[in-house]
Amino acid sequence: MFSTAPSTPGTMTTLPATAKPKLVTFPLELNPPRVVVRYGDSVSVNCSTSFTDHEGMGWEATFGGTGFEQEVNVVTWTVDNLIDWTIEPTCYITLIDGEQPSEVLPVILYKTPDSISISVLRHSGPMVEGTEYQLQCDIQNIAPLQNLVVKWYKGNEPLDNVTYSIVSKTPVDVSDTLMISPSRHDDGAQYRRRAQLDLGPEGPQPHPTVTSEPLNITVHYTPEFLPGNDTVEVSAGSDVSLDCSAEGNPPPELRWTNNTAEGNANETTVGRLRT
């Protein structure tokens, strides 16, 4: 009579009722032990055994199963075009005592998004300095969600990272938002969103990444006089040229006022500068 006790990973412990524990090496080895595959790509994994006293072994899977093969020490699971999001290939071996240990191959099937885009919610046209706006990023058809890292950028400056705790093996659409309150220094700024799949050491390096087209913003802000608008002293009857400039968006219009009785000041306009 036999009973089974918990075993450490990679080992199988069998306890005869009257004997001391005997540690037995687990009979199966997968190479590689875990795979990361892009949707539609091929994959191949060997399952081997060092045991000689067995009847046979094989792979069970929705795609690429081998069936039971006798007198072999290696069986290979191969799929030319992997498209099953939930596949769990299982290698098994039938020992001469009737035991049938098995090992499930962890498979991560991934897909980069069809598209990634940024928009401004409930607003169109130029923004106003100091006003809050909500940017939304939409990512279409990506998997697996739990491996997704989404990063916001303004120019080359990183702003925020978003990760997802929901586990989903199949492709999903996801959206998230970023609140901004632009200043005059943000006029002409570009916002981008980068979707990255961190698939671990077995995954491709660098991580598969897709970046959105930039969202360019225009910021309207109130005018401010620029330095250099100085007071000038002149002799009576002399000609004088005065500079006055200001910056704003839209470009401000400047107007001179003359408080002298003669009212003989001349106006010349050049862009945002009046002299």
Protein backbone atom coordinates (compact mmCIF):
# COMPACT_ATOMS: atom_id res chain seq x y z
CA MET A 1 0.00 0.00 0.00
CA PHE A 2 1.35 3.46 -1.03
CA SER A 3 0.55 7.02 -0.06
CA THR A 4 1.71 10.33 -1.52
CA ALA A 5 3.15 13.30 0.40
CA PRO A 6 3.83 16.86 -0.78
CA SER A 7 7.01 17.21 -2.82
CA THR A 8 9.35 20.03 -3.69
CA PRO A 9 9.31 21.41 -7.24
CA GLY A 10 11.04 19.08 -9.68
CA THR A 11 10.80 16.02 -7.40
CA MET A 12 8.29 13.29 -6.70
CA THR A 13 8.15 11.69 -3.25
CA THR A 14 6.63 8.22 -2.80
CA LEU A 15 6.07 6.89 0.71
CA PRO A 16 5.54 3.17 1.24
CA ALA A 17 3.41 2.63 4.33
CA THR A 18 6.27 1.02 6.27
CA ALA A 19 9.31 2.68 4.71
CA LYS A 20 11.18 5.92 5.10
CA PRO A 21 10.62 8.67 2.49
CA LYS A 22 12.42 8.05 -0.78
CA LEU A 23 13.21 11.04 -2.99
CA VAL A 24 12.70 10.36 -6.68
CA THR A 25 13.70 12.78 -9.45
CA PHE A 26 10.74 14.08 -11.43
CA PRO A 27 10.74 12.15 -14.72
CA LEU A 28 10.00 15.02 -17.15
CA GLU A 29 11.98 18.06 -18.28
CA LEU A 30 10.71 20.79 -20.59
CA ASN A 31 13.11 22.74 -22.77
CA PRO A 32 12.48 25.64 -22.68
CA PRO A 33 10.44 25.45 -19.45
CA ARG A 34 8.30 28.48 -20.41
CA VAL A 35 7.58 30.19 -23.73
CA VAL A 36 6.48 33.64 -24.88
CA VAL A 37 5.07 33.64 -28.41
CA ARG A 38 3.77 36.41 -30.65
CA TYR A 39 0.26 35.72 -31.94
CA GLY A 40 0.50 33.72 -35.17
CA ASP A 41 4.19 32.77 -34.78
CA SER A 42 5.61 29.25 -34.55
CA VAL A 43 6.75 27.51 -31.36
CA SER A 44 8.60 24.29 -30.53
CA VAL A 45 9.33 22.73 -27.11
CA ASN A 46 11.02 19.44 -26.22
CA CYS A 47 9.85 17.21 -23.39
CA SER A 48 12.43 14.64 -22.33
CA THR A 49 12.99 11.99 -19.69
CA SER A 50 16.02 10.20 -18.29
CA PHE A 51 13.84 7.31 -17.17
CA THR A 52 14.29 4.07 -19.11
CA ASP A 53 11.58 2.03 -17.36
CA HIS A 54 8.52 3.63 -18.96
CA GLU A 55 5.98 2.58 -21.54
CA GLY A 56 5.92 5.83 -23.52
CA MET A 57 5.22 9.55 -23.46
CA GLY A 58 3.49 12.31 -25.41
CA TRP A 59 1.96 15.78 -25.59
CA GLU A 60 -1.69 16.65 -25.11
CA ALA A 61 -2.74 20.04 -26.57
CA THR A 62 -5.51 21.65 -28.60
CA PHE A 63 -2.87 22.23 -31.29
CA GLY A 64 0.33 20.25 -31.84
CA GLY A 65 -0.50 17.20 -29.70
CA THR A 66 1.66 14.16 -30.49
CA GLY A 67 -0.41 11.34 -29.12
CA PHE A 68 1.20 8.50 -27.18
CA GLU A 69 4.65 7.50 -28.46
CA GLN A 70 6.35 4.30 -27.32
CA GLU A 71 10.06 3.69 -26.75
CA VAL A 72 11.10 7.33 -26.95
CA ASN A 73 12.84 9.61 -24.48
CA VAL A 74 11.99 12.90 -26.22
CA VAL A 75 8.74 14.22 -27.69
CA THR A 76 8.40 17.63 -29.34
CA TRP A 77 5.42 19.94 -29.26
CA THR A 78 5.37 22.05 -32.42
CA VAL A 79 2.85 24.56 -33.76
CA ASP A 80 3.52 26.55 -36.93
CA ASN A 81 0.85 29.21 -36.33
CA LEU A 82 -0.12 29.60 -32.67
CA ILE A 83 -3.52 31.33 -32.32
CA ASP A 84 -5.06 29.64 -29.25
CA TRP A 85 -5.04 32.25 -26.46
CA THR A 86 -5.80 29.73 -23.69
CA ILE A 87 -3.66 26.79 -24.78
CA GLU A 88 -2.09 24.64 -22.02
CA PRO A 89 0.14 21.98 -23.61
CA THR A 90 0.76 19.06 -21.26
CA CYS A 91 3.58 16.56 -21.53
CA TYR A 92 2.97 13.18 -19.88
CA ILE A 93 4.82 9.92 -19.37
CA THR A 94 3.39 6.50 -18.51
CA LEU A 95 5.64 4.58 -16.10
CA ILE A 96 5.70 0.79 -15.91
CA ASP A 97 3.96 0.89 -12.54
CA GLY A 98 0.99 2.68 -14.13
CA GLU A 99 1.81 6.13 -12.75
CA GLN A 100 1.41 8.96 -15.29
CA PRO A 101 3.23 12.13 -14.18
CA SER A 102 2.64 15.21 -16.33
CA GLU A 103 3.97 18.73 -16.75
CA VAL A 104 2.04 21.74 -18.08
CA LEU A 105 4.01 24.14 -20.28
CA PRO A 106 3.35 27.81 -19.35
CA VAL A 107 2.57 29.69 -22.58
CA ILE A 108 2.21 33.46 -22.92
CA LEU A 109 0.69 34.47 -26.25
CA TYR A 110 1.02 38.20 -26.90
CA LYS A 111 -0.17 40.76 -29.40
CA THR A 112 0.80 44.42 -29.81
CA PRO A 113 -2.12 46.87 -30.21
CA ASP A 114 -3.79 47.56 -33.55
CA SER A 115 -3.79 51.27 -32.70
CA ILE A 116 -3.05 53.72 -29.89
CA SER A 117 -4.38 57.28 -29.95
CA ILE A 118 -4.71 60.38 -27.74
CA SER A 119 -7.61 62.85 -27.68
CA VAL A 120 -8.87 65.70 -25.50
CA LEU A 121 -12.18 64.91 -23.79
CA ARG A 122 -15.05 67.36 -24.18
CA HIS A 123 -12.90 70.03 -25.80
CA SER A 124 -11.63 71.13 -29.19
CA GLY A 125 -9.41 73.96 -30.36
CA PRO A 126 -6.84 75.97 -28.35
CA MET A 127 -6.50 75.50 -24.60
CA VAL A 128 -6.46 78.35 -22.06
CA GLU A 129 -3.60 78.77 -19.62
CA GLY A 130 -4.44 77.55 -16.11
CA THR A 131 -7.52 75.56 -17.17
CA GLU A 132 -7.71 71.81 -16.51
CA TYR A 133 -8.14 69.41 -19.42
CA GLN A 134 -8.45 65.63 -19.58
CA LEU A 135 -6.44 63.68 -22.14
CA GLN A 136 -7.63 60.18 -23.02
CA CYS A 137 -5.55 57.37 -24.48
CA ASP A 138 -7.32 54.54 -26.33
CA ILE A 139 -5.49 51.27 -26.97
CA GLN A 140 -7.13 48.76 -29.31
CA ASN A 141 -6.78 44.97 -29.25
CA ILE A 142 -3.79 44.18 -27.00
CA ALA A 143 -2.85 41.08 -24.99
CA PRO A 144 -2.09 40.05 -22.33
CA LEU A 145 -3.42 42.98 -20.31
CA GLN A 146 -1.55 42.13 -17.08
CA ASN A 147 1.79 42.59 -18.88
CA LEU A 148 0.92 46.02 -20.28
CA VAL A 149 2.76 49.13 -19.09
CA VAL A 150 1.49 52.44 -20.51
CA LYS A 151 3.62 55.58 -20.27
CA TRP A 152 2.65 59.24 -20.81
CA TYR A 153 5.18 61.73 -22.18
CA LYS A 154 5.27 65.48 -22.77
CA GLY A 155 7.99 65.85 -25.34
CA ASN A 156 10.72 63.59 -23.92
CA GLU A 157 9.63 64.15 -20.32
CA PRO A 158 7.97 61.10 -18.70
CA LEU A 159 4.76 62.04 -16.88
CA ASP A 160 2.98 58.91 -15.65
CA ASN A 161 3.02 55.09 -15.79
CA VAL A 162 -0.09 52.91 -15.76
CA THR A 163 -0.19 49.14 -15.10
CA TYR A 164 -3.13 46.75 -14.95
CA SER A 165 -3.92 44.14 -12.28
CA ILE A 166 -6.76 42.51 -14.25
CA VAL A 167 -5.65 39.20 -15.79
CA SER A 168 -6.79 38.71 -19.37
CA LYS A 169 -5.14 36.31 -21.81
CA THR A 170 -7.28 37.38 -24.77
CA PRO A 171 -7.06 40.77 -26.56
CA VAL A 172 -8.91 43.71 -25.00
CA ASP A 173 -9.44 47.45 -25.57
CA VAL A 174 -8.30 49.73 -22.75
CA SER A 175 -8.46 53.48 -22.04
CA ASP A 176 -6.99 55.74 -19.39
CA THR A 177 -6.80 59.48 -18.81
CA LEU A 178 -4.33 62.18 -17.77
CA MET A 179 -5.28 65.54 -16.26
CA ILE A 180 -3.22 68.54 -17.39
CA SER A 181 -3.30 72.28 -16.63
CA PRO A 182 -1.13 73.86 -19.31
CA SER A 183 0.92 77.01 -18.89
CA ARG A 184 2.19 79.42 -21.55
CA HIS A 185 5.39 77.39 -21.66
CA ASP A 186 3.35 74.40 -22.90
CA ASP A 187 2.22 76.20 -26.06
CA GLY A 188 3.21 73.88 -28.93
CA ALA A 189 3.94 70.95 -26.58
CA GLN A 190 3.49 67.38 -27.83
CA TYR A 191 1.91 64.64 -25.72
CA ARG A 192 2.58 60.98 -26.56
CA ARG A 193 1.51 57.61 -25.17
CA ARG A 194 3.67 54.52 -25.28
CA ALA A 195 2.24 51.00 -24.81
CA GLN A 196 4.83 48.42 -23.76
CA LEU A 197 4.48 44.69 -23.08
CA ASP A 198 6.82 43.54 -20.29
CA LEU A 199 6.85 39.78 -20.88
CA GLY A 200 9.67 38.85 -18.53
CA PRO A 201 13.11 37.41 -19.28
CA GLU A 202 11.70 34.86 -21.74
CA GLY A 203 10.03 37.60 -23.78
CA PRO A 204 11.57 39.64 -26.58
CA GLN A 205 14.15 42.26 -25.70
CA PRO A 206 13.65 45.16 -25.96
CA HIS A 207 10.02 44.93 -24.92
CA PRO A 208 7.44 45.15 -27.75
CA THR A 209 6.43 48.82 -27.88
CA VAL A 210 3.94 50.91 -29.85
CA THR A 211 3.82 54.73 -29.60
CA SER A 212 0.91 57.00 -30.46
CA GLU A 213 1.03 59.87 -32.89
CA PRO A 214 1.78 63.08 -30.94
CA LEU A 215 -1.03 65.32 -29.74
CA ASN A 216 0.02 68.93 -30.36
CA ILE A 217 -1.57 71.56 -28.12
CA THR A 218 -2.00 75.31 -28.57
CA VAL A 219 -2.25 77.36 -25.37
CA HIS A 220 -3.82 80.82 -25.24
CA TYR A 221 -2.46 83.08 -22.51
CA THR A 222 -2.79 86.75 -21.51
CA PRO A 223 -0.18 89.24 -22.73
CA GLU A 224 2.82 90.31 -20.68
CA PHE A 225 5.11 93.26 -21.43
CA LEU A 226 8.62 92.18 -22.28
CA PRO A 227 11.75 93.69 -20.66
CA GLY A 228 13.22 96.73 -22.39
CA ASN A 229 10.24 99.12 -22.27
CA ASP A 230 12.36 101.88 -20.71
CA THR A 231 11.75 105.53 -19.93
CA VAL A 232 13.71 107.81 -22.26
CA GLU A 233 14.61 111.47 -21.67
CA VAL A 234 14.89 113.70 -24.77
CA SER A 235 15.46 117.36 -25.53
CA ALA A 236 12.52 119.46 -26.63
CA GLY A 237 12.09 119.38 -30.39
CA SER A 238 14.27 116.26 -30.87
CA ASP A 239 13.13 113.14 -32.68
CA VAL A 240 12.72 110.01 -30.55
CA SER A 241 12.02 106.33 -31.20
CA LEU A 242 10.37 104.34 -28.42
CA ASP A 243 10.17 100.56 -28.24
CA CYS A 244 7.27 98.71 -26.62
CA SER A 245 6.75 94.95 -26.95
CA ALA A 246 4.55 92.35 -25.30
CA GLU A 247 4.06 88.61 -25.65
CA GLY A 248 0.79 86.71 -25.60
CA ASN A 249 -1.22 84.17 -27.53
CA PRO A 250 -3.03 85.21 -29.67
CA PRO A 251 -0.41 87.94 -30.43
CA PRO A 252 -1.54 91.12 -28.64
CA GLU A 253 -2.28 94.46 -30.32
CA LEU A 254 -0.32 97.36 -28.79
CA ARG A 255 -1.58 100.96 -28.82
CA TRP A 256 0.32 104.13 -28.02
CA THR A 257 -1.36 107.00 -26.18
CA ASN A 258 0.09 110.50 -26.28
CA ASN A 259 -0.69 112.83 -23.40
CA THR A 260 1.07 115.92 -24.84
CA ALA A 261 -0.95 118.90 -25.96
CA GLU A 262 0.55 118.85 -29.42
CA GLY A 263 -0.34 115.23 -30.06
CA ASN A 264 2.45 114.86 -32.66
CA ALA A 265 3.55 111.29 -31.88
CA ASN A 266 3.91 108.98 -34.85
CA GLU A 267 2.76 105.30 -34.81
CA THR A 268 4.49 102.50 -36.71
CA THR A 269 3.36 98.87 -36.30
CA VAL A 270 5.62 95.87 -36.94
CA GLY A 271 4.05 92.58 -35.81
CA ARG A 272 3.72 92.69 -32.04
CA LEU A 273 5.99 95.76 -31.75
CA ARG A 274 4.81 99.35 -31.88
CA THR A 275 7.24 102.30 -31.91
